[in-house]
Amino acid sequence: MVVPFNKEFNNAYNTLFPASERVFDFRSRTWTLTEKILPATVLLLEKMFGVKPMVITRGQTEQAKPLTKNTPIDTVIADFVKMIPYEAMQKAYRQASMMMHPDHMNGSLKTEEDKKKANENMSKMNACWQRLEQDFYKKGMKNNEN
């Protein structure tokens, strides 16, 4: 479950449920719970925040694994990218552009070959992004080529 920080909720939650029944991932700000405390947790969230939380069970996660386990990696990547909102993907592209731009490589381009490779990589990334914008997100300038 993912909830905004709320001191009252955290105190109540930590008091009601032992640490052995819950784990908080600070990076993703997501709680992982045992099924034993799930119904009470849902009720607590409904009472405190007035919303019913989205629950993804272990069974649902396990059921999705076969869909990706034997699927070719290019299909997995395409499916993954299709699920990412345009704004998030655009932000990732912009961050990667700043990191990969030859002018921002902070002296790591020692030879002409390094510079040439960096320019090629930047051009390739830009072309890939333009294709993603057009084909996955239906954004950007339309290409008149067939």
C-alpha atoms as a PDB file:
ATOM      1  CA  MET A   1       0.000   0.000   0.000  1.00  0.00           C
ATOM      2  CA  VAL A   2       1.138   3.557  -0.618  1.00  0.00           C
ATOM      3  CA  VAL A   3      -0.148   6.365   1.595  1.00  0.00           C
ATOM      4  CA  PRO A   4       0.981   9.945   2.196  1.00  0.00           C
ATOM      5  CA  PHE A   5       2.939  10.461   5.404  1.00  0.00           C
ATOM      6  CA  ASN A   6       0.594  10.930   8.315  1.00  0.00           C
ATOM      7  CA  LYS A   7       2.022  10.836  11.834  1.00  0.00           C
ATOM      8  CA  GLU A   8      -1.294   9.800  13.411  1.00  0.00           C
ATOM      9  CA  PHE A   9      -1.666   6.935  10.945  1.00  0.00           C
ATOM     10  CA  ASN A  10       1.939   5.775  11.416  1.00  0.00           C
ATOM     11  CA  ASN A  11       1.615   5.800  15.199  1.00  0.00           C
ATOM     12  CA  ALA A  12      -1.668   3.874  15.095  1.00  0.00           C
ATOM     13  CA  TYR A  13      -0.348   1.426  12.545  1.00  0.00           C
ATOM     14  CA  ASN A  14       2.885   0.749  14.443  1.00  0.00           C
ATOM     15  CA  THR A  15       0.918   0.230  17.667  1.00  0.00           C
ATOM     16  CA  LEU A  16      -1.710  -2.067  16.161  1.00  0.00           C
ATOM     17  CA  PHE A  17       0.437  -4.286  13.959  1.00  0.00           C
ATOM     18  CA  PRO A  18       3.729  -5.950  14.889  1.00  0.00           C
ATOM     19  CA  ALA A  19       6.770  -5.250  12.721  1.00  0.00           C
ATOM     20  CA  SER A  20       6.911  -8.926  11.783  1.00  0.00           C
ATOM     21  CA  GLU A  21       3.634  -8.456   9.848  1.00  0.00           C
ATOM     22  CA  ARG A  22       4.706  -5.414   7.805  1.00  0.00           C
ATOM     23  CA  VAL A  23       7.695  -3.990   5.936  1.00  0.00           C
ATOM     24  CA  PHE A  24       8.087  -0.433   4.675  1.00  0.00           C
ATOM     25  CA  ASP A  25      10.232   0.289   1.622  1.00  0.00           C
ATOM     26  CA  PHE A  26      11.497   3.846   2.058  1.00  0.00           C
ATOM     27  CA  ARG A  27      12.633   4.135  -1.555  1.00  0.00           C
ATOM     28  CA  SER A  28       9.252   3.321  -3.097  1.00  0.00           C
ATOM     29  CA  ARG A  29       7.304   4.482  -0.009  1.00  0.00           C
ATOM     30  CA  THR A  30       5.319   1.237  -0.152  1.00  0.00           C
ATOM     31  CA  TRP A  31       4.157  -1.073   2.616  1.00  0.00           C
ATOM     32  CA  THR A  32       4.237  -4.834   2.156  1.00  0.00           C
ATOM     33  CA  LEU A  33       1.876  -6.614   4.537  1.00  0.00           C
ATOM     34  CA  THR A  34       1.032 -10.151   5.496  1.00  0.00           C
ATOM     35  CA  GLU A  35      -2.439 -11.287   4.521  1.00  0.00           C
ATOM     36  CA  LYS A  36      -3.205 -11.689   8.221  1.00  0.00           C
ATOM     37  CA  ILE A  37      -3.336  -7.911   8.808  1.00  0.00           C
ATOM     38  CA  LEU A  38      -4.688  -6.882   5.415  1.00  0.00           C
ATOM     39  CA  PRO A  39      -8.430  -6.629   6.291  1.00  0.00           C
ATOM     40  CA  ALA A  40      -7.740  -4.542   9.407  1.00  0.00           C
ATOM     41  CA  THR A  41      -5.325  -2.336   7.463  1.00  0.00           C
ATOM     42  CA  VAL A  42      -7.903  -1.683   4.746  1.00  0.00           C
ATOM     43  CA  LEU A  43     -10.485  -0.786   7.406  1.00  0.00           C
ATOM     44  CA  LEU A  44      -8.033   1.572   9.157  1.00  0.00           C
ATOM     45  CA  LEU A  45      -7.229   3.332   5.875  1.00  0.00           C
ATOM     46  CA  GLU A  46     -10.901   3.688   5.019  1.00  0.00           C
ATOM     47  CA  LYS A  47     -11.640   5.211   8.445  1.00  0.00           C
ATOM     48  CA  MET A  48      -8.637   7.562   8.525  1.00  0.00           C
ATOM     49  CA  PHE A  49      -8.494   8.688   4.888  1.00  0.00           C
ATOM     50  CA  GLY A  50     -12.000   7.940   3.614  1.00  0.00           C
ATOM     51  CA  VAL A  51     -10.720   5.929   0.645  1.00  0.00           C
ATOM     52  CA  LYS A  52     -10.497   2.261  -0.160  1.00  0.00           C
ATOM     53  CA  PRO A  53      -6.878   1.373  -0.913  1.00  0.00           C
ATOM     54  CA  MET A  54      -5.726  -0.479  -4.009  1.00  0.00           C
ATOM     55  CA  VAL A  55      -4.446  -3.889  -2.959  1.00  0.00           C
ATOM     56  CA  ILE A  56      -2.148  -6.011  -5.104  1.00  0.00           C
ATOM     57  CA  THR A  57      -1.932  -9.495  -3.646  1.00  0.00           C
ATOM     58  CA  ARG A  58       0.920 -11.951  -3.891  1.00  0.00           C
ATOM     59  CA  GLY A  59      -1.394 -14.150  -5.947  1.00  0.00           C
ATOM     60  CA  GLN A  60      -1.907 -11.377  -8.494  1.00  0.00           C
ATOM     61  CA  THR A  61       1.830 -10.799  -8.689  1.00  0.00           C
ATOM     62  CA  GLU A  62       2.524 -14.509  -9.111  1.00  0.00           C
ATOM     63  CA  GLN A  63      -0.185 -14.776 -11.755  1.00  0.00           C
ATOM     64  CA  ALA A  64       1.476 -12.011 -13.786  1.00  0.00           C
ATOM     65  CA  LYS A  65       4.937 -13.630 -13.709  1.00  0.00           C
ATOM     66  CA  PRO A  66       4.237 -16.291 -16.351  1.00  0.00           C
ATOM     67  CA  LEU A  67       3.138 -13.524 -18.701  1.00  0.00           C
ATOM     68  CA  THR A  68       6.662 -12.133 -18.688  1.00  0.00           C
ATOM     69  CA  LYS A  69       8.839 -15.153 -17.891  1.00  0.00           C
ATOM     70  CA  ASN A  70       8.655 -16.781 -21.325  1.00  0.00           C
ATOM     71  CA  THR A  71       7.981 -13.625 -23.307  1.00  0.00           C
ATOM     72  CA  PRO A  72      10.775 -12.250 -25.520  1.00  0.00           C
ATOM     73  CA  ILE A  73      12.586  -9.406 -23.777  1.00  0.00           C
ATOM     74  CA  ASP A  74      11.749  -6.899 -26.514  1.00  0.00           C
ATOM     75  CA  THR A  75       8.049  -7.542 -25.904  1.00  0.00           C
ATOM     76  CA  VAL A  76       8.506  -7.176 -22.134  1.00  0.00           C
ATOM     77  CA  ILE A  77      10.312  -3.867 -22.651  1.00  0.00           C
ATOM     78  CA  ALA A  78       7.626  -2.603 -25.031  1.00  0.00           C
ATOM     79  CA  ASP A  79       4.841  -3.601 -22.626  1.00  0.00           C
ATOM     80  CA  PHE A  80       6.669  -1.925 -19.737  1.00  0.00           C
ATOM     81  CA  VAL A  81       7.191   1.310 -21.677  1.00  0.00           C
ATOM     82  CA  LYS A  82       3.541   1.364 -22.739  1.00  0.00           C
ATOM     83  CA  MET A  83       2.516   1.390 -19.056  1.00  0.00           C
ATOM     84  CA  ILE A  84       4.688   4.375 -18.137  1.00  0.00           C
ATOM     85  CA  PRO A  85       2.862   7.716 -18.336  1.00  0.00           C
ATOM     86  CA  TYR A  86       4.186  10.078 -20.999  1.00  0.00           C
ATOM     87  CA  GLU A  87       5.237  12.722 -18.460  1.00  0.00           C
ATOM     88  CA  ALA A  88       7.355  10.221 -16.500  1.00  0.00           C
ATOM     89  CA  MET A  89       9.017   8.916 -19.644  1.00  0.00           C
ATOM     90  CA  GLN A  90       9.672  12.443 -20.895  1.00  0.00           C
ATOM     91  CA  LYS A  91      11.319  13.330 -17.578  1.00  0.00           C
ATOM     92  CA  ALA A  92      13.510  10.219 -17.755  1.00  0.00           C
ATOM     93  CA  TYR A  93      14.497  11.054 -21.336  1.00  0.00           C
ATOM     94  CA  ARG A  94      15.437  14.603 -20.375  1.00  0.00           C
ATOM     95  CA  GLN A  95      17.519  13.423 -17.422  1.00  0.00           C
ATOM     96  CA  ALA A  96      19.300  10.842 -19.566  1.00  0.00           C
ATOM     97  CA  SER A  97      19.916  13.501 -22.241  1.00  0.00           C
ATOM     98  CA  MET A  98      21.618  15.727 -19.709  1.00  0.00           C
ATOM     99  CA  MET A  99      23.803  12.865 -18.499  1.00  0.00           C
ATOM    100  CA  MET A 100      24.682  11.546 -21.944  1.00  0.00           C
ATOM    101  CA  HIS A 101      25.138  14.824 -23.811  1.00  0.00           C
ATOM    102  CA  PRO A 102      28.732  15.082 -25.023  1.00  0.00           C
ATOM    103  CA  ASP A 103      29.023  18.617 -23.603  1.00  0.00           C
ATOM    104  CA  HIS A 104      28.180  17.303 -20.113  1.00  0.00           C
ATOM    105  CA  MET A 105      30.512  14.317 -19.987  1.00  0.00           C
ATOM    106  CA  ASN A 106      33.030  16.170 -17.793  1.00  0.00           C
ATOM    107  CA  GLY A 107      36.262  15.256 -19.490  1.00  0.00           C
ATOM    108  CA  SER A 108      35.458  11.568 -19.877  1.00  0.00           C
ATOM    109  CA  LEU A 109      35.742  11.902 -23.660  1.00  0.00           C
ATOM    110  CA  LYS A 110      39.492  11.586 -24.014  1.00  0.00           C
ATOM    111  CA  THR A 111      39.829  10.564 -27.638  1.00  0.00           C
ATOM    112  CA  GLU A 112      38.163  11.492 -30.902  1.00  0.00           C
ATOM    113  CA  GLU A 113      36.692   7.980 -30.964  1.00  0.00           C
ATOM    114  CA  ASP A 114      35.094   8.592 -27.524  1.00  0.00           C
ATOM    115  CA  LYS A 115      33.588  11.854 -28.792  1.00  0.00           C
ATOM    116  CA  LYS A 116      32.307  10.182 -31.943  1.00  0.00           C
ATOM    117  CA  LYS A 117      30.708   7.352 -29.912  1.00  0.00           C
ATOM    118  CA  ALA A 118      29.095   9.839 -27.506  1.00  0.00           C
ATOM    119  CA  ASN A 119      27.611  11.792 -30.427  1.00  0.00           C
ATOM    120  CA  GLU A 120      26.315   8.581 -32.014  1.00  0.00           C
ATOM    121  CA  ASN A 121      24.742   7.474 -28.707  1.00  0.00           C
ATOM    122  CA  MET A 122      23.089  10.866 -28.234  1.00  0.00           C
ATOM    123  CA  SER A 123      21.739  10.825 -31.792  1.00  0.00           C
ATOM    124  CA  LYS A 124      20.445   7.287 -31.333  1.00  0.00           C
ATOM    125  CA  MET A 125      18.761   8.143 -28.038  1.00  0.00           C
ATOM    126  CA  ASN A 126      17.090  11.195 -29.606  1.00  0.00           C
ATOM    127  CA  ALA A 127      15.841   9.087 -32.515  1.00  0.00           C
ATOM    128  CA  CYS A 128      14.526   6.413 -30.132  1.00  0.00           C
ATOM    129  CA  TRP A 129      12.718   9.044 -28.056  1.00  0.00           C
ATOM    130  CA  GLN A 130      11.114  10.572 -31.137  1.00  0.00           C
ATOM    131  CA  ARG A 131       9.888   7.123 -32.163  1.00  0.00           C
ATOM    132  CA  LEU A 132       8.494   6.424 -28.693  1.00  0.00           C
ATOM    133  CA  GLU A 133       6.714   9.764 -28.676  1.00  0.00           C
ATOM    134  CA  GLN A 134       5.109   9.030 -32.027  1.00  0.00           C
ATOM    135  CA  ASP A 135       4.286   5.333 -31.740  1.00  0.00           C
ATOM    136  CA  PHE A 136       3.619   4.755 -28.046  1.00  0.00           C
ATOM    137  CA  TYR A 137       2.473   8.130 -26.849  1.00  0.00           C
ATOM    138  CA  LYS A 138       1.069   9.623 -30.081  1.00  0.00           C
ATOM    139  CA  LYS A 139       2.891  12.889 -29.353  1.00  0.00           C
ATOM    140  CA  GLY A 140       5.585  14.905 -31.045  1.00  0.00           C
ATOM    141  CA  MET A 141       5.916  15.901 -34.656  1.00  0.00           C
ATOM    142  CA  LYS A 142       4.583  13.419 -37.156  1.00  0.00           C
ATOM    143  CA  ASN A 143       7.157  11.976 -39.473  1.00  0.00           C
ATOM    144  CA  ASN A 144       6.160  12.060 -43.134  1.00  0.00           C
ATOM    145  CA  GLU A 145       8.361   9.088 -43.959  1.00  0.00           C
ATOM    146  CA  ASN A 146       6.790   5.673 -44.575  1.00  0.00           C
END
